[in-house]
């Protein structure tokens, strides 16, 4: 008769709620790490894309006009260069009228 009395009762598992909570936290941590990895790869590609665009615009300006642009604003105005100025800083150094300028793209890590 004892077996009929236990039909409606649930057996209590060892660990209770601790195991599901720890599993949930681990899943969230793995998910967050994956998102962070994707984000850093995207930021790197954005910087590379800006560097390529600057190189292309500088070369195009020299080919069309016979001189290098004096600053980044000239490239923005005449050659359609666009980038997020809150996100990236472009250090643009000219060495002379007929010397190719050097530039460095610095990721400020702000804004999107």
Protein backbone atom coordinates (compact mmCIF):
# COMPACT_ATOMS: atom_id res chain seq x y z
CA UNK A 1 0.00 0.00 0.00
CA UNK A 2 2.93 2.29 0.49
CA UNK A 3 3.64 2.51 -3.24
CA UNK A 4 0.23 4.11 -3.93
CA UNK A 5 0.89 6.94 -1.47
CA UNK A 6 4.04 8.14 -3.31
CA UNK A 7 2.49 8.50 -6.77
CA UNK A 8 1.60 12.19 -6.36
CA UNK A 9 4.84 13.18 -4.63
CA UNK A 10 7.86 14.54 -6.50
CA UNK A 11 11.31 13.42 -5.48
CA UNK A 12 13.55 16.28 -4.44
CA UNK A 13 16.79 16.34 -6.46
CA UNK A 14 20.14 17.14 -4.89
CA UNK A 15 21.26 20.66 -5.78
CA UNK A 16 17.75 22.05 -6.11
CA UNK A 17 17.78 25.25 -8.12
CA UNK A 18 21.55 25.76 -8.02
CA UNK A 19 22.36 23.57 -11.06
CA UNK A 20 19.89 25.27 -13.47
CA UNK A 21 20.98 28.73 -12.33
CA UNK A 22 24.67 27.92 -12.84
CA UNK A 23 23.91 26.44 -16.25
CA UNK A 24 22.00 29.60 -17.24
CA UNK A 25 24.85 31.85 -16.06
CA UNK A 26 27.38 29.81 -18.04
CA UNK A 27 25.28 30.00 -21.21
CA UNK A 28 24.94 33.78 -20.85
CA UNK A 29 28.71 34.14 -20.28
CA UNK A 30 29.53 32.14 -23.43
CA UNK A 31 27.00 34.18 -25.42
CA UNK A 32 28.47 37.48 -24.15
CA UNK A 33 32.00 36.36 -25.03
CA UNK A 34 30.87 35.51 -28.56
CA UNK A 35 29.19 38.89 -29.04
CA UNK A 36 32.29 40.69 -27.77
CA UNK A 37 34.46 38.76 -30.20
CA UNK A 38 32.21 39.68 -33.12
CA UNK A 39 32.22 43.34 -32.07
CA UNK A 40 36.00 43.60 -31.91
CA UNK A 41 36.31 42.03 -35.38
CA UNK A 42 33.85 44.57 -36.77
CA UNK A 43 35.77 47.49 -35.26
CA UNK A 44 38.99 46.24 -36.81
CA UNK A 45 37.34 45.94 -40.24
CA UNK A 46 35.92 49.48 -39.94
CA UNK A 47 39.39 50.87 -39.25
CA UNK A 48 40.90 48.92 -42.18
CA UNK A 49 38.10 50.15 -44.44
CA UNK A 50 38.81 53.78 -43.49
CA UNK A 51 42.54 53.29 -44.12
CA UNK A 52 41.80 51.82 -47.56
CA UNK A 53 39.40 54.68 -48.38
CA UNK A 54 42.03 57.27 -47.40
CA UNK A 55 44.66 55.59 -49.57
CA UNK A 56 42.25 55.40 -52.50
CA UNK A 57 41.15 59.06 -52.17
CA UNK A 58 44.75 60.33 -51.86
CA UNK A 59 45.78 58.37 -54.96
CA UNK A 60 42.73 59.52 -56.92
CA UNK A 61 43.37 63.15 -56.01
CA UNK A 62 46.99 62.94 -57.15
CA UNK A 63 46.01 61.22 -60.40
CA UNK A 64 43.33 63.79 -61.25
CA UNK A 65 44.88 67.02 -59.98
CA UNK A 66 48.65 66.36 -60.05
CA UNK A 67 49.16 67.18 -56.37
CA UNK A 68 48.34 65.59 -53.04
CA UNK A 69 45.50 66.93 -50.89
CA UNK A 70 46.54 69.27 -48.12
CA UNK A 71 44.19 67.77 -45.49
CA UNK A 72 41.42 65.27 -44.80
CA UNK A 73 38.74 67.96 -45.14
CA UNK A 74 39.72 68.40 -48.78
CA UNK A 75 39.15 64.68 -49.34
CA UNK A 76 35.79 64.89 -47.62
CA UNK A 77 34.67 67.88 -49.67
CA UNK A 78 35.97 66.88 -53.12
CA UNK A 79 36.26 63.08 -53.06
CA UNK A 80 33.35 61.97 -50.90
CA UNK A 81 35.36 60.57 -48.00
CA UNK A 82 33.01 59.85 -45.11
CA UNK A 83 33.74 58.35 -41.72
CA UNK A 84 32.55 58.54 -38.13
CA UNK A 85 34.62 61.37 -36.66
CA UNK A 86 33.47 60.55 -33.13
CA UNK A 87 34.77 57.00 -33.55
CA UNK A 88 38.02 57.60 -35.48
CA UNK A 89 40.65 60.30 -35.46
CA UNK A 90 42.76 60.69 -38.60
CA UNK A 91 46.22 62.14 -38.13
CA UNK A 92 47.18 63.49 -41.54
CA UNK A 93 50.74 64.77 -42.12
CA UNK A 94 51.91 66.34 -45.35
CA UNK A 95 55.61 66.36 -46.10
CA UNK A 96 55.56 68.79 -49.01
CA UNK A 97 53.65 69.69 -52.12
CA UNK A 98 54.78 66.68 -54.12
CA UNK A 99 55.34 64.12 -51.36
CA UNK A 100 52.71 61.57 -50.49
CA UNK A 101 51.10 62.42 -47.14
CA UNK A 102 51.20 59.98 -44.26
CA UNK A 103 48.17 59.24 -42.13
CA UNK A 104 47.35 57.30 -39.03
CA UNK A 105 43.84 56.19 -38.08
CA UNK A 106 43.26 56.12 -34.34
CA UNK A 107 40.24 54.35 -32.89
CA UNK A 108 38.79 56.55 -30.16
CA UNK A 109 36.44 53.78 -29.03
CA UNK A 110 33.52 56.19 -28.73
CA UNK A 111 30.24 56.37 -30.59
CA UNK A 112 29.04 54.02 -33.26
